[in-house]
Amino acid sequence: MEHDGQLELYAAVADQLKEAHAAVRALQVPEGVRMALTRKLLVITAAAKHDLADATRRLERFMADLEDGRMPEEEH
């Protein structure tokens, strides 16, 4: 049964990642900022494959930063 719980957790994180990507796409920011945010999400996605708990923490921090308007510097 523990396996089912793990699958549910992966599904929940996957749904949150989809929401995060949609939120980034909807932002009215320079393309360089959007690219930096997308890279952060890709790193979180990769981390989820190895450490789901860490990826969840990173994603929560990412979303909090996004909601508070803390954006990375524009990349050129």
N, C-alpha and C. Protein backbone atom coordinates (compact mmCIF):
# COMPACT_ATOMS: atom_id res chain seq x y z
N MET A 1 0.80 -1.20 0.00
CA MET A 1 0.00 0.00 0.00
C MET A 1 0.85 1.27 0.00
N GLU A 2 2.05 1.19 0.55
CA GLU A 2 2.92 2.35 0.58
C GLU A 2 3.21 2.83 -0.84
N HIS A 3 3.31 1.88 -1.76
CA HIS A 3 3.57 2.22 -3.16
C HIS A 3 2.46 3.11 -3.72
N ASP A 4 1.19 2.82 -3.35
CA ASP A 4 0.07 3.63 -3.81
C ASP A 4 0.19 5.06 -3.30
N GLY A 5 0.61 5.23 -2.06
CA GLY A 5 0.80 6.56 -1.49
C GLY A 5 1.88 7.32 -2.21
N GLN A 6 2.94 6.62 -2.57
CA GLN A 6 4.04 7.25 -3.30
C GLN A 6 3.57 7.70 -4.68
N LEU A 7 2.79 6.89 -5.34
CA LEU A 7 2.25 7.26 -6.66
C LEU A 7 1.33 8.47 -6.55
N GLU A 8 0.53 8.53 -5.50
CA GLU A 8 -0.36 9.67 -5.30
C GLU A 8 0.46 10.94 -5.07
N LEU A 9 1.55 10.81 -4.32
CA LEU A 9 2.41 11.97 -4.06
C LEU A 9 3.07 12.44 -5.36
N TYR A 10 3.56 11.51 -6.17
CA TYR A 10 4.12 11.89 -7.47
C TYR A 10 3.08 12.60 -8.33
N ALA A 11 1.86 12.08 -8.33
CA ALA A 11 0.79 12.69 -9.12
C ALA A 11 0.48 14.10 -8.62
N ALA A 12 0.48 14.28 -7.31
CA ALA A 12 0.21 15.60 -6.73
C ALA A 12 1.30 16.60 -7.12
N VAL A 13 2.55 16.16 -7.05
CA VAL A 13 3.66 17.03 -7.42
C VAL A 13 3.60 17.34 -8.92
N ALA A 14 3.27 16.36 -9.72
CA ALA A 14 3.15 16.58 -11.16
C ALA A 14 2.07 17.62 -11.45
N ASP A 15 0.95 17.54 -10.75
CA ASP A 15 -0.12 18.52 -10.94
C ASP A 15 0.35 19.91 -10.52
N GLN A 16 1.08 20.00 -9.42
CA GLN A 16 1.59 21.29 -8.96
C GLN A 16 2.60 21.86 -9.95
N LEU A 17 3.43 21.00 -10.53
CA LEU A 17 4.38 21.46 -11.53
C LEU A 17 3.66 22.00 -12.76
N LYS A 18 2.59 21.33 -13.18
CA LYS A 18 1.81 21.82 -14.32
C LYS A 18 1.23 23.19 -14.02
N GLU A 19 0.71 23.36 -12.81
CA GLU A 19 0.15 24.65 -12.41
C GLU A 19 1.24 25.72 -12.40
N ALA A 20 2.42 25.36 -11.91
CA ALA A 20 3.53 26.32 -11.86
C ALA A 20 3.94 26.74 -13.26
N HIS A 21 4.03 25.79 -14.18
CA HIS A 21 4.39 26.12 -15.56
C HIS A 21 3.33 27.03 -16.18
N ALA A 22 2.06 26.75 -15.92
CA ALA A 22 0.99 27.60 -16.45
C ALA A 22 1.08 29.01 -15.87
N ALA A 23 1.41 29.11 -14.58
CA ALA A 23 1.54 30.42 -13.94
C ALA A 23 2.68 31.21 -14.57
N VAL A 24 3.79 30.53 -14.86
CA VAL A 24 4.94 31.20 -15.48
C VAL A 24 4.56 31.67 -16.89
N ARG A 25 3.88 30.84 -17.64
CA ARG A 25 3.47 31.23 -18.99
C ARG A 25 2.55 32.45 -18.97
N ALA A 26 1.73 32.58 -17.94
CA ALA A 26 0.77 33.67 -17.86
C ALA A 26 1.38 34.99 -17.40
N LEU A 27 2.59 34.96 -16.89
CA LEU A 27 3.23 36.18 -16.39
C LEU A 27 3.54 37.16 -17.51
N GLN A 28 3.38 38.41 -17.22
CA GLN A 28 3.77 39.48 -18.15
C GLN A 28 5.16 39.96 -17.72
N VAL A 29 6.17 39.21 -18.12
CA VAL A 29 7.56 39.52 -17.76
C VAL A 29 8.43 39.41 -19.00
N PRO A 30 9.62 40.02 -18.96
CA PRO A 30 10.54 39.86 -20.10
C PRO A 30 10.87 38.38 -20.35
N GLU A 31 11.17 38.07 -21.58
CA GLU A 31 11.44 36.68 -21.96
C GLU A 31 12.59 36.09 -21.16
N GLY A 32 13.61 36.89 -20.85
CA GLY A 32 14.73 36.38 -20.06
C GLY A 32 14.32 35.93 -18.67
N VAL A 33 13.40 36.64 -18.05
CA VAL A 33 12.89 36.27 -16.73
C VAL A 33 12.08 34.98 -16.85
N ARG A 34 11.24 34.90 -17.89
CA ARG A 34 10.44 33.69 -18.10
C ARG A 34 11.36 32.48 -18.30
N MET A 35 12.44 32.66 -19.05
CA MET A 35 13.38 31.55 -19.27
C MET A 35 14.03 31.12 -17.96
N ALA A 36 14.41 32.08 -17.12
CA ALA A 36 15.03 31.75 -15.83
C ALA A 36 14.04 30.99 -14.94
N LEU A 37 12.79 31.42 -14.93
CA LEU A 37 11.78 30.72 -14.14
C LEU A 37 11.54 29.31 -14.67
N THR A 38 11.50 29.18 -15.98
CA THR A 38 11.30 27.86 -16.58
C THR A 38 12.45 26.93 -16.25
N ARG A 39 13.68 27.46 -16.28
CA ARG A 39 14.84 26.63 -15.90
C ARG A 39 14.73 26.15 -14.47
N LYS A 40 14.28 27.03 -13.57
CA LYS A 40 14.10 26.62 -12.17
C LYS A 40 13.09 25.48 -12.07
N LEU A 41 12.01 25.59 -12.83
CA LEU A 41 11.02 24.53 -12.80
C LEU A 41 11.56 23.22 -13.37
N LEU A 42 12.40 23.31 -14.39
CA LEU A 42 13.01 22.10 -14.94
C LEU A 42 13.94 21.43 -13.93
N VAL A 43 14.65 22.24 -13.15
CA VAL A 43 15.52 21.70 -12.10
C VAL A 43 14.67 21.00 -11.04
N ILE A 44 13.55 21.61 -10.67
CA ILE A 44 12.66 21.01 -9.68
C ILE A 44 12.09 19.69 -10.23
N THR A 45 11.72 19.69 -11.50
CA THR A 45 11.20 18.48 -12.13
C THR A 45 12.24 17.36 -12.09
N ALA A 46 13.47 17.69 -12.41
CA ALA A 46 14.55 16.68 -12.37
C ALA A 46 14.77 16.19 -10.95
N ALA A 47 14.70 17.10 -9.98
CA ALA A 47 14.90 16.71 -8.58
C ALA A 47 13.81 15.75 -8.12
N ALA A 48 12.60 15.92 -8.64
CA ALA A 48 11.49 15.05 -8.24
C ALA A 48 11.74 13.59 -8.58
N LYS A 49 12.55 13.35 -9.58
CA LYS A 49 12.85 11.97 -9.97
C LYS A 49 13.74 11.27 -8.95
N HIS A 50 14.46 12.06 -8.13
CA HIS A 50 15.42 11.47 -7.20
C HIS A 50 15.07 11.73 -5.74
N ASP A 51 14.45 12.86 -5.45
CA ASP A 51 14.13 13.23 -4.07
C ASP A 51 12.84 14.02 -4.07
N LEU A 52 11.75 13.30 -3.94
CA LEU A 52 10.43 13.92 -4.05
C LEU A 52 10.19 14.94 -2.94
N ALA A 53 10.65 14.65 -1.74
CA ALA A 53 10.45 15.58 -0.63
C ALA A 53 11.18 16.90 -0.89
N ASP A 54 12.41 16.82 -1.36
CA ASP A 54 13.17 18.03 -1.67
C ASP A 54 12.51 18.81 -2.80
N ALA A 55 12.07 18.11 -3.82
CA ALA A 55 11.40 18.76 -4.95
C ALA A 55 10.13 19.46 -4.49
N THR A 56 9.39 18.84 -3.58
CA THR A 56 8.18 19.45 -3.06
C THR A 56 8.50 20.74 -2.32
N ARG A 57 9.54 20.72 -1.50
CA ARG A 57 9.96 21.93 -0.76
C ARG A 57 10.39 23.02 -1.75
N ARG A 58 11.17 22.65 -2.74
CA ARG A 58 11.62 23.63 -3.74
C ARG A 58 10.45 24.24 -4.49
N LEU A 59 9.49 23.40 -4.85
CA LEU A 59 8.33 23.88 -5.59
C LEU A 59 7.49 24.82 -4.73
N GLU A 60 7.32 24.49 -3.46
CA GLU A 60 6.57 25.38 -2.56
C GLU A 60 7.28 26.73 -2.44
N ARG A 61 8.60 26.70 -2.31
CA ARG A 61 9.38 27.94 -2.21
C ARG A 61 9.28 28.74 -3.51
N PHE A 62 9.35 28.04 -4.65
CA PHE A 62 9.24 28.68 -5.96
C PHE A 62 7.89 29.40 -6.08
N MET A 63 6.81 28.69 -5.73
CA MET A 63 5.48 29.28 -5.85
C MET A 63 5.30 30.46 -4.89
N ALA A 64 5.85 30.35 -3.69
CA ALA A 64 5.76 31.47 -2.74
C ALA A 64 6.49 32.69 -3.29
N ASP A 65 7.68 32.46 -3.86
CA ASP A 65 8.43 33.57 -4.46
C ASP A 65 7.64 34.20 -5.60
N LEU A 66 7.03 33.37 -6.43
CA LEU A 66 6.24 33.85 -7.56
C LEU A 66 5.06 34.69 -7.07
N GLU A 67 4.36 34.18 -6.07
CA GLU A 67 3.19 34.89 -5.54
C GLU A 67 3.59 36.21 -4.89
N ASP A 68 4.78 36.26 -4.30
CA ASP A 68 5.26 37.49 -3.65
C ASP A 68 5.95 38.43 -4.63
N GLY A 69 6.02 38.03 -5.90
CA GLY A 69 6.62 38.89 -6.91
C GLY A 69 8.14 38.89 -6.93
N ARG A 70 8.75 37.91 -6.26
CA ARG A 70 10.22 37.80 -6.29
C ARG A 70 10.62 37.05 -7.56
N MET A 71 11.22 37.78 -8.46
CA MET A 71 11.60 37.21 -9.76
C MET A 71 13.11 37.19 -9.90
N PRO A 72 13.62 36.23 -10.65
CA PRO A 72 15.06 36.23 -10.93
C PRO A 72 15.40 37.37 -11.87
N GLU A 73 16.67 37.69 -11.93
CA GLU A 73 17.12 38.73 -12.85
C GLU A 73 16.98 38.21 -14.27
N GLU A 74 16.77 39.13 -15.20
CA GLU A 74 16.63 38.76 -16.60
C GLU A 74 17.95 38.23 -17.14
N GLU A 75 17.85 37.11 -17.84
CA GLU A 75 19.04 36.52 -18.47
C GLU A 75 19.12 37.03 -19.91
N HIS A 76 20.33 37.20 -20.39
CA HIS A 76 20.52 37.72 -21.76
C HIS A 76 21.05 36.65 -22.66
